[in-house]
PDB file of N, CA and C in Angstrom:
ATOM      1  N   UNK A   1     -89.068 113.863 -83.460  1.00  0.00           N
ATOM      2  CA  UNK A   1     -89.872 113.786 -82.267  1.00  0.00           C
ATOM      3  C   UNK A   1     -88.948 113.109 -80.956  1.00  0.00           C
ATOM      4  N   UNK A   2     -89.404 113.096 -79.725  1.00  0.00           N
ATOM      5  CA  UNK A   2     -88.494 112.517 -78.797  1.00  0.00           C
ATOM      6  C   UNK A   2     -89.383 111.421 -78.170  1.00  0.00           C
ATOM      7  N   UNK A   3     -88.673 110.497 -77.615  1.00  0.00           N
ATOM      8  CA  UNK A   3     -89.390 109.274 -77.177  1.00  0.00           C
ATOM      9  C   UNK A   3     -89.844 109.646 -75.889  1.00  0.00           C
ATOM     10  N   UNK A   4     -90.767 108.736 -75.485  1.00  0.00           N
ATOM     11  CA  UNK A   4     -91.482 108.932 -74.158  1.00  0.00           C
ATOM     12  C   UNK A   4     -90.606 108.151 -73.275  1.00  0.00           C
ATOM     13  N   UNK A   5     -90.609 108.576 -71.988  1.00  0.00           N
ATOM     14  CA  UNK A   5     -89.887 107.970 -71.011  1.00  0.00           C
ATOM     15  C   UNK A   5     -90.645 107.813 -70.298  1.00  0.00           C
ATOM     16  N   UNK A   6     -90.714 106.676 -69.482  1.00  0.00           N
ATOM     17  CA  UNK A   6     -91.649 106.013 -68.356  1.00  0.00           C
ATOM     18  C   UNK A   6     -90.452 105.366 -67.276  1.00  0.00           C
ATOM     19  N   UNK A   7     -90.991 105.827 -66.455  1.00  0.00           N
ATOM     20  CA  UNK A   7     -90.491 105.401 -64.938  1.00  0.00           C
ATOM     21  C   UNK A   7     -91.374 104.488 -63.886  1.00  0.00           C
ATOM     22  N   UNK A   8     -90.879 103.213 -63.974  1.00  0.00           N
ATOM     23  CA  UNK A   8     -91.716 102.191 -63.051  1.00  0.00           C
ATOM     24  C   UNK A   8     -91.252 102.038 -61.698  1.00  0.00           C
ATOM     25  N   UNK A   9     -91.836 103.106 -60.510  1.00  0.00           N
ATOM     26  CA  UNK A   9     -91.073 103.220 -59.293  1.00  0.00           C
ATOM     27  C   UNK A   9     -91.887 103.114 -58.215  1.00  0.00           C
ATOM     28  N   UNK A  10     -90.999 103.067 -57.039  1.00  0.00           N
ATOM     29  CA  UNK A  10     -91.489 103.163 -55.868  1.00  0.00           C
ATOM     30  C   UNK A  10     -91.239 104.555 -54.969  1.00  0.00           C
ATOM     31  N   UNK A  11     -92.616 104.565 -54.062  1.00  0.00           N
ATOM     32  CA  UNK A  11     -92.452 106.097 -53.899  1.00  0.00           C
ATOM     33  C   UNK A  11     -91.210 106.659 -52.712  1.00  0.00           C
ATOM     34  N   UNK A  12     -90.912 105.440 -51.921  1.00  0.00           N
ATOM     35  CA  UNK A  12     -89.859 105.876 -51.105  1.00  0.00           C
ATOM     36  C   UNK A  12     -88.531 105.307 -51.098  1.00  0.00           C
ATOM     37  N   UNK A  13     -87.884 104.877 -52.826  1.00  0.00           N
ATOM     38  CA  UNK A  13     -87.006 104.057 -53.001  1.00  0.00           C
ATOM     39  C   UNK A  13     -86.034 105.195 -53.650  1.00  0.00           C
ATOM     40  N   UNK A  14     -84.635 105.120 -53.004  1.00  0.00           N
ATOM     41  CA  UNK A  14     -83.961 106.300 -52.873  1.00  0.00           C
ATOM     42  C   UNK A  14     -83.228 106.318 -54.693  1.00  0.00           C
ATOM     43  N   UNK A  15     -83.506 104.982 -55.572  1.00  0.00           N
ATOM     44  CA  UNK A  15     -82.801 104.955 -56.773  1.00  0.00           C
ATOM     45  C   UNK A  15     -83.961 105.266 -57.860  1.00  0.00           C
ATOM     46  N   UNK A  16     -85.382 105.248 -57.332  1.00  0.00           N
ATOM     47  CA  UNK A  16     -86.552 106.041 -58.235  1.00  0.00           C
ATOM     48  C   UNK A  16     -86.392 107.637 -57.982  1.00  0.00           C
ATOM     49  N   UNK A  17     -86.238 107.749 -56.807  1.00  0.00           N
ATOM     50  CA  UNK A  17     -86.393 109.229 -56.445  1.00  0.00           C
ATOM     51  C   UNK A  17     -84.777 110.124 -57.403  1.00  0.00           C
ATOM     52  N   UNK A  18     -83.619 109.221 -57.405  1.00  0.00           N
ATOM     53  CA  UNK A  18     -82.473 109.650 -58.338  1.00  0.00           C
ATOM     54  C   UNK A  18     -82.788 109.805 -59.461  1.00  0.00           C
ATOM     55  N   UNK A  19     -83.755 108.942 -60.375  1.00  0.00           N
ATOM     56  CA  UNK A  19     -84.004 108.907 -61.351  1.00  0.00           C
ATOM     57  C   UNK A  19     -84.921 109.937 -61.897  1.00  0.00           C
ATOM     58  N   UNK A  20     -86.012 110.157 -60.962  1.00  0.00           N
ATOM     59  CA  UNK A  20     -86.778 111.441 -61.052  1.00  0.00           C
ATOM     60  C   UNK A  20     -86.203 112.537 -61.065  1.00  0.00           C
ATOM     61  N   UNK A  21     -85.045 113.077 -60.309  1.00  0.00           N
ATOM     62  CA  UNK A  21     -84.656 114.232 -59.738  1.00  0.00           C
ATOM     63  C   UNK A  21     -83.434 114.425 -60.973  1.00  0.00           C
ATOM     64  N   UNK A  22     -82.668 113.256 -61.516  1.00  0.00           N
ATOM     65  CA  UNK A  22     -81.801 113.290 -62.490  1.00  0.00           C
ATOM     66  C   UNK A  22     -82.753 113.986 -63.807  1.00  0.00           C
ATOM     67  N   UNK A  23     -83.910 113.142 -64.176  1.00  0.00           N
ATOM     68  CA  UNK A  23     -84.884 113.831 -65.273  1.00  0.00           C
ATOM     69  C   UNK A  23     -85.309 115.234 -65.187  1.00  0.00           C
ATOM     70  N   UNK A  24     -85.517 115.696 -63.692  1.00  0.00           N
ATOM     71  CA  UNK A  24     -85.852 116.693 -63.266  1.00  0.00           C
ATOM     72  C   UNK A  24     -85.039 118.028 -63.677  1.00  0.00           C
ATOM     73  N   UNK A  25     -83.751 117.543 -63.218  1.00  0.00           N
ATOM     74  CA  UNK A  25     -82.731 118.889 -63.294  1.00  0.00           C
ATOM     75  C   UNK A  25     -82.339 119.173 -64.530  1.00  0.00           C
ATOM     76  N   UNK A  26     -82.440 118.129 -65.640  1.00  0.00           N
ATOM     77  CA  UNK A  26     -82.482 118.283 -67.180  1.00  0.00           C
ATOM     78  C   UNK A  26     -83.618 118.896 -68.076  1.00  0.00           C
ATOM     79  N   UNK A  27     -84.581 118.821 -66.827  1.00  0.00           N
ATOM     80  CA  UNK A  27     -86.180 119.191 -67.917  1.00  0.00           C
ATOM     81  C   UNK A  27     -86.642 118.307 -68.845  1.00  0.00           C
ATOM     82  N   UNK A  28     -85.910 116.939 -68.850  1.00  0.00           N
ATOM     83  CA  UNK A  28     -86.480 116.155 -69.378  1.00  0.00           C
ATOM     84  C   UNK A  28     -88.274 115.083 -69.018  1.00  0.00           C
ATOM     85  N   UNK A  29     -89.352 115.646 -69.732  1.00  0.00           N
ATOM     86  CA  UNK A  29     -90.364 115.015 -69.396  1.00  0.00           C
ATOM     87  C   UNK A  29     -90.506 113.249 -68.810  1.00  0.00           C
ATOM     88  N   UNK A  30     -91.172 113.308 -68.108  1.00  0.00           N
ATOM     89  CA  UNK A  30     -91.411 111.714 -68.118  1.00  0.00           C
ATOM     90  C   UNK A  30     -92.743 111.364 -67.378  1.00  0.00           C
ATOM     91  N   UNK A  31     -93.166 110.246 -67.725  1.00  0.00           N
ATOM     92  CA  UNK A  31     -94.129 109.553 -66.811  1.00  0.00           C
ATOM     93  C   UNK A  31     -93.960 108.751 -65.669  1.00  0.00           C
ATOM     94  N   UNK A  32     -94.511 109.158 -64.348  1.00  0.00           N
ATOM     95  CA  UNK A  32     -93.984 108.247 -63.302  1.00  0.00           C
ATOM     96  C   UNK A  32     -95.056 107.300 -62.978  1.00  0.00           C
ATOM     97  N   UNK A  33     -94.882 106.104 -62.956  1.00  0.00           N
ATOM     98  CA  UNK A  33     -95.693 104.961 -62.438  1.00  0.00           C
ATOM     99  C   UNK A  33     -95.605 104.136 -61.550  1.00  0.00           C
ATOM    100  N   UNK A  34     -96.273 104.434 -60.155  1.00  0.00           N
ATOM    101  CA  UNK A  34     -95.914 103.959 -59.166  1.00  0.00           C
ATOM    102  C   UNK A  34     -96.369 102.211 -58.693  1.00  0.00           C
ATOM    103  N   UNK A  35     -95.175 101.515 -59.006  1.00  0.00           N
ATOM    104  CA  UNK A  35     -95.931 100.096 -58.655  1.00  0.00           C
ATOM    105  C   UNK A  35     -95.581  99.065 -57.687  1.00  0.00           C
ATOM    106  N   UNK A  36     -95.379 100.033 -56.175  1.00  0.00           N
ATOM    107  CA  UNK A  36     -95.325  99.827 -55.051  1.00  0.00           C
ATOM    108  C   UNK A  36     -96.078  98.714 -55.061  1.00  0.00           C
ATOM    109  N   UNK A  37     -97.621  98.780 -55.269  1.00  0.00           N
ATOM    110  CA  UNK A  37     -98.819  97.920 -54.370  1.00  0.00           C
ATOM    111  C   UNK A  37     -99.028  97.112 -55.727  1.00  0.00           C
ATOM    112  N   UNK A  38     -98.262  97.079 -56.708  1.00  0.00           N
ATOM    113  CA  UNK A  38     -98.713  96.230 -58.130  1.00  0.00           C
ATOM    114  C   UNK A  38     -97.758  95.193 -58.328  1.00  0.00           C
ATOM    115  N   UNK A  39     -97.824  94.211 -57.636  1.00  0.00           N
ATOM    116  CA  UNK A  39     -96.732  93.412 -57.690  1.00  0.00           C
ATOM    117  C   UNK A  39     -96.927  92.588 -59.209  1.00  0.00           C
ATOM    118  N   UNK A  40     -97.985  92.398 -59.569  1.00  0.00           N
ATOM    119  CA  UNK A  40     -98.330  91.683 -60.867  1.00  0.00           C
ATOM    120  C   UNK A  40     -97.623  92.416 -62.230  1.00  0.00           C
ATOM    121  N   UNK A  41     -97.758  94.084 -62.106  1.00  0.00           N
ATOM    122  CA  UNK A  41     -97.118  94.431 -62.938  1.00  0.00           C
ATOM    123  C   UNK A  41     -95.516  94.274 -62.810  1.00  0.00           C
ATOM    124  N   UNK A  42     -95.459  94.667 -61.775  1.00  0.00           N
ATOM    125  CA  UNK A  42     -93.443  94.040 -61.519  1.00  0.00           C
ATOM    126  C   UNK A  42     -93.502  92.717 -61.657  1.00  0.00           C
ATOM    127  N   UNK A  43     -93.713  92.312 -61.437  1.00  0.00           N
ATOM    128  CA  UNK A  43     -93.260  90.758 -62.186  1.00  0.00           C
ATOM    129  C   UNK A  43     -93.325  90.438 -63.353  1.00  0.00           C
ATOM    130  N   UNK A  44     -94.327  91.082 -64.114  1.00  0.00           N
ATOM    131  CA  UNK A  44     -94.334  91.009 -65.582  1.00  0.00           C
ATOM    132  C   UNK A  44     -93.495  91.812 -66.271  1.00  0.00           C
ATOM    133  N   UNK A  45     -92.886  93.206 -65.783  1.00  0.00           N
ATOM    134  CA  UNK A  45     -91.957  93.744 -66.289  1.00  0.00           C
ATOM    135  C   UNK A  45     -90.409  93.187 -65.963  1.00  0.00           C
ATOM    136  N   UNK A  46     -90.352  92.635 -64.828  1.00  0.00           N
ATOM    137  CA  UNK A  46     -89.010  91.640 -64.713  1.00  0.00           C
ATOM    138  C   UNK A  46     -89.083  90.447 -65.582  1.00  0.00           C
ATOM    139  N   UNK A  47     -90.444  89.752 -65.815  1.00  0.00           N
ATOM    140  CA  UNK A  47     -90.095  88.746 -66.690  1.00  0.00           C
ATOM    141  C   UNK A  47     -89.838  89.199 -68.062  1.00  0.00           C
ATOM    142  N   UNK A  48     -90.593  90.302 -68.729  1.00  0.00           N
ATOM    143  CA  UNK A  48     -90.339  90.901 -69.785  1.00  0.00           C
ATOM    144  C   UNK A  48     -88.572  91.738 -70.161  1.00  0.00           C
ATOM    145  N   UNK A  49     -88.053  92.241 -68.989  1.00  0.00           N
ATOM    146  CA  UNK A  49     -87.177  92.821 -69.178  1.00  0.00           C
ATOM    147  C   UNK A  49     -85.774  92.313 -68.654  1.00  0.00           C
ATOM    148  N   UNK A  50     -85.942  91.265 -67.863  1.00  0.00           N
ATOM    149  CA  UNK A  50     -85.067  90.764 -67.042  1.00  0.00           C
ATOM    150  C   UNK A  50     -84.102  91.337 -66.343  1.00  0.00           C
ATOM    151  N   UNK A  51     -84.662  92.665 -66.068  1.00  0.00           N
ATOM    152  CA  UNK A  51     -84.522  93.422 -64.949  1.00  0.00           C
ATOM    153  C   UNK A  51     -85.030  93.618 -63.657  1.00  0.00           C
ATOM    154  N   UNK A  52     -84.087  93.280 -62.355  1.00  0.00           N
ATOM    155  CA  UNK A  52     -85.139  92.925 -60.919  1.00  0.00           C
ATOM    156  C   UNK A  52     -84.795  94.291 -60.194  1.00  0.00           C
ATOM    157  N   UNK A  53     -84.261  95.095 -60.252  1.00  0.00           N
ATOM    158  CA  UNK A  53     -84.555  96.190 -59.602  1.00  0.00           C
ATOM    159  C   UNK A  53     -85.336  97.536 -59.664  1.00  0.00           C
ATOM    160  N   UNK A  54     -85.761  98.258 -59.247  1.00  0.00           N
ATOM    161  CA  UNK A  54     -86.544  99.343 -59.213  1.00  0.00           C
ATOM    162  C   UNK A  54     -85.725 100.644 -58.938  1.00  0.00           C
ATOM    163  N   UNK A  55     -85.961 101.503 -60.039  1.00  0.00           N
ATOM    164  CA  UNK A  55     -86.918 101.677 -60.876  1.00  0.00           C
ATOM    165  C   UNK A  55     -86.840 101.041 -62.309  1.00  0.00           C
ATOM    166  N   UNK A  56     -87.643 100.660 -63.146  1.00  0.00           N
ATOM    167  CA  UNK A  56     -87.835 100.431 -64.560  1.00  0.00           C
ATOM    168  C   UNK A  56     -87.591 101.590 -65.154  1.00  0.00           C
ATOM    169  N   UNK A  57     -86.524 101.778 -65.947  1.00  0.00           N
ATOM    170  CA  UNK A  57     -86.674 102.872 -66.791  1.00  0.00           C
ATOM    171  C   UNK A  57     -86.993 102.452 -68.208  1.00  0.00           C
ATOM    172  N   UNK A  58     -87.936 103.083 -68.695  1.00  0.00           N
ATOM    173  CA  UNK A  58     -87.889 102.760 -70.447  1.00  0.00           C
ATOM    174  C   UNK A  58     -87.804 104.179 -71.264  1.00  0.00           C
ATOM    175  N   UNK A  59     -87.379 103.874 -72.152  1.00  0.00           N
ATOM    176  CA  UNK A  59     -87.229 105.044 -73.526  1.00  0.00           C
ATOM    177  C   UNK A  59     -87.523 104.432 -74.437  1.00  0.00           C
ATOM    178  N   UNK A  60     -88.984 105.163 -74.776  1.00  0.00           N
ATOM    179  CA  UNK A  60     -89.675 104.439 -75.817  1.00  0.00           C
ATOM    180  C   UNK A  60     -90.069 103.163 -75.582  1.00  0.00           C
ATOM    181  N   UNK A  61     -89.923 102.182 -75.979  1.00  0.00           N
ATOM    182  CA  UNK A  61     -90.462 100.932 -75.818  1.00  0.00           C
ATOM    183  C   UNK A  61     -89.415  99.642 -75.244  1.00  0.00           C
ATOM    184  N   UNK A  62     -88.015 100.555 -74.974  1.00  0.00           N
ATOM    185  CA  UNK A  62     -86.755  99.821 -74.405  1.00  0.00           C
ATOM    186  C   UNK A  62     -86.521  99.631 -73.105  1.00  0.00           C
ATOM    187  N   UNK A  63     -86.479  99.146 -72.214  1.00  0.00           N
ATOM    188  CA  UNK A  63     -85.977  99.272 -70.777  1.00  0.00           C
ATOM    189  C   UNK A  63     -84.395  99.620 -71.088  1.00  0.00           C
ATOM    190  N   UNK A  64     -84.026 100.422 -70.472  1.00  0.00           N
ATOM    191  CA  UNK A  64     -82.459 100.711 -70.276  1.00  0.00           C
ATOM    192  C   UNK A  64     -81.853 100.351 -69.296  1.00  0.00           C
ATOM    193  N   UNK A  65     -82.816  99.827 -67.743  1.00  0.00           N
ATOM    194  CA  UNK A  65     -82.154  99.100 -66.588  1.00  0.00           C
ATOM    195  C   UNK A  65     -83.109 100.005 -65.885  1.00  0.00           C
ATOM    196  N   UNK A  66     -82.114 100.398 -64.843  1.00  0.00           N
ATOM    197  CA  UNK A  66     -82.302 101.065 -63.682  1.00  0.00           C
ATOM    198  C   UNK A  66     -81.879 102.509 -63.459  1.00  0.00           C
ATOM    199  N   UNK A  67     -81.645 102.861 -62.382  1.00  0.00           N
ATOM    200  CA  UNK A  67     -80.995 104.634 -62.422  1.00  0.00           C
ATOM    201  C   UNK A  67     -79.419 104.599 -62.376  1.00  0.00           C
ATOM    202  N   UNK A  68     -79.133 103.357 -62.308  1.00  0.00           N
ATOM    203  CA  UNK A  68     -76.920 103.604 -62.528  1.00  0.00           C
ATOM    204  C   UNK A  68     -77.070 103.584 -63.815  1.00  0.00           C
ATOM    205  N   UNK A  69     -78.181 102.869 -64.665  1.00  0.00           N
ATOM    206  CA  UNK A  69     -77.837 102.921 -66.314  1.00  0.00           C
ATOM    207  C   UNK A  69     -78.575 103.870 -66.813  1.00  0.00           C
ATOM    208  N   UNK A  70     -79.325 104.961 -66.646  1.00  0.00           N
ATOM    209  CA  UNK A  70     -79.807 105.983 -66.561  1.00  0.00           C
ATOM    210  C   UNK A  70     -78.424 107.214 -66.448  1.00  0.00           C
ATOM    211  N   UNK A  71     -78.276 107.165 -65.121  1.00  0.00           N
ATOM    212  CA  UNK A  71     -76.850 108.028 -64.944  1.00  0.00           C
ATOM    213  C   UNK A  71     -75.591 107.943 -65.921  1.00  0.00           C
ATOM    214  N   UNK A  72     -75.580 106.831 -66.060  1.00  0.00           N
ATOM    215  CA  UNK A  72     -74.681 106.333 -66.854  1.00  0.00           C
ATOM    216  C   UNK A  72     -74.421 106.767 -68.443  1.00  0.00           C
ATOM    217  N   UNK A  73     -75.464 106.767 -68.786  1.00  0.00           N
ATOM    218  CA  UNK A  73     -76.061 107.330 -70.076  1.00  0.00           C
ATOM    219  C   UNK A  73     -75.906 108.465 -70.122  1.00  0.00           C
ATOM    220  N   UNK A  74     -76.201 109.549 -68.979  1.00  0.00           N
ATOM    221  CA  UNK A  74     -76.325 110.908 -68.886  1.00  0.00           C
ATOM    222  C   UNK A  74     -74.491 111.494 -68.665  1.00  0.00           C
ATOM    223  N   UNK A  75     -73.816 110.584 -67.929  1.00  0.00           N
ATOM    224  CA  UNK A  75     -72.357 110.953 -67.736  1.00  0.00           C
ATOM    225  C   UNK A  75     -71.735 110.807 -69.143  1.00  0.00           C
ATOM    226  N   UNK A  76     -72.089 110.001 -69.853  1.00  0.00           N
ATOM    227  CA  UNK A  76     -71.556 109.643 -71.328  1.00  0.00           C
ATOM    228  C   UNK A  76     -72.149 110.458 -72.299  1.00  0.00           C
ATOM    229  N   UNK A  77     -73.006 111.446 -71.813  1.00  0.00           N
ATOM    230  CA  UNK A  77     -73.376 112.307 -73.059  1.00  0.00           C
ATOM    231  C   UNK A  77     -74.304 111.719 -73.787  1.00  0.00           C
ATOM    232  N   UNK A  78     -74.776 110.323 -73.682  1.00  0.00           N
ATOM    233  CA  UNK A  78     -75.864 109.814 -74.481  1.00  0.00           C
ATOM    234  C   UNK A  78     -77.034 109.844 -74.193  1.00  0.00           C
ATOM    235  N   UNK A  79     -77.296 110.421 -73.170  1.00  0.00           N
ATOM    236  CA  UNK A  79     -79.083 110.277 -72.787  1.00  0.00           C
ATOM    237  C   UNK A  79     -79.654 110.892 -73.903  1.00  0.00           C
ATOM    238  N   UNK A  80     -79.509 112.439 -74.275  1.00  0.00           N
ATOM    239  CA  UNK A  80     -80.256 113.052 -75.311  1.00  0.00           C
ATOM    240  C   UNK A  80     -80.245 112.647 -76.415  1.00  0.00           C
ATOM    241  N   UNK A  81     -79.403 111.860 -77.110  1.00  0.00           N
ATOM    242  CA  UNK A  81     -79.256 111.417 -78.272  1.00  0.00           C
ATOM    243  C   UNK A  81     -80.082 110.058 -77.999  1.00  0.00           C
ATOM    244  N   UNK A  82     -80.425 109.467 -76.880  1.00  0.00           N
ATOM    245  CA  UNK A  82     -81.161 108.116 -76.948  1.00  0.00           C
ATOM    246  C   UNK A  82     -82.470 108.620 -76.987  1.00  0.00           C
ATOM    247  N   UNK A  83     -82.834 109.605 -76.300  1.00  0.00           N
ATOM    248  CA  UNK A  83     -84.220 110.349 -76.636  1.00  0.00           C
ATOM    249  C   UNK A  83     -84.730 111.046 -77.612  1.00  0.00           C
ATOM    250  N   UNK A  84     -83.742 111.201 -78.530  1.00  0.00           N
ATOM    251  CA  UNK A  84     -83.927 112.173 -79.584  1.00  0.00           C
ATOM    252  C   UNK A  84     -83.991 111.154 -80.979  1.00  0.00           C
ATOM    253  N   UNK A  85     -83.312 109.633 -80.689  1.00  0.00           N
ATOM    254  CA  UNK A  85     -83.543 108.968 -81.898  1.00  0.00           C
ATOM    255  C   UNK A  85     -84.877 108.455 -82.250  1.00  0.00           C
ATOM    256  N   UNK A  86     -84.923 108.525 -83.494  1.00  0.00           N
ATOM    257  CA  UNK A  86     -86.403 107.850 -84.227  1.00  0.00           C
ATOM    258  C   UNK A  86     -86.283 106.577 -84.013  1.00  0.00           C
TER     259      UNK A  86
END
């Protein structure tokens, strides 16, 4: 069973759009949660993850960081394995 991917994004953020494009091109499903007008959720995510840039990328219950972290996992060939791990 694949882990669920959640992206916490802003609508006009190039890094948010880059993360969505990468996953779309790979055919990887994800849930996009717009936090542009939800400062409380953004602050909560920052406090819980110690990640301070947009987007927040979660694979399962783990925040892997942002777009650059997602891209790095993909370039190393580790993204699919991480999604497929139980």
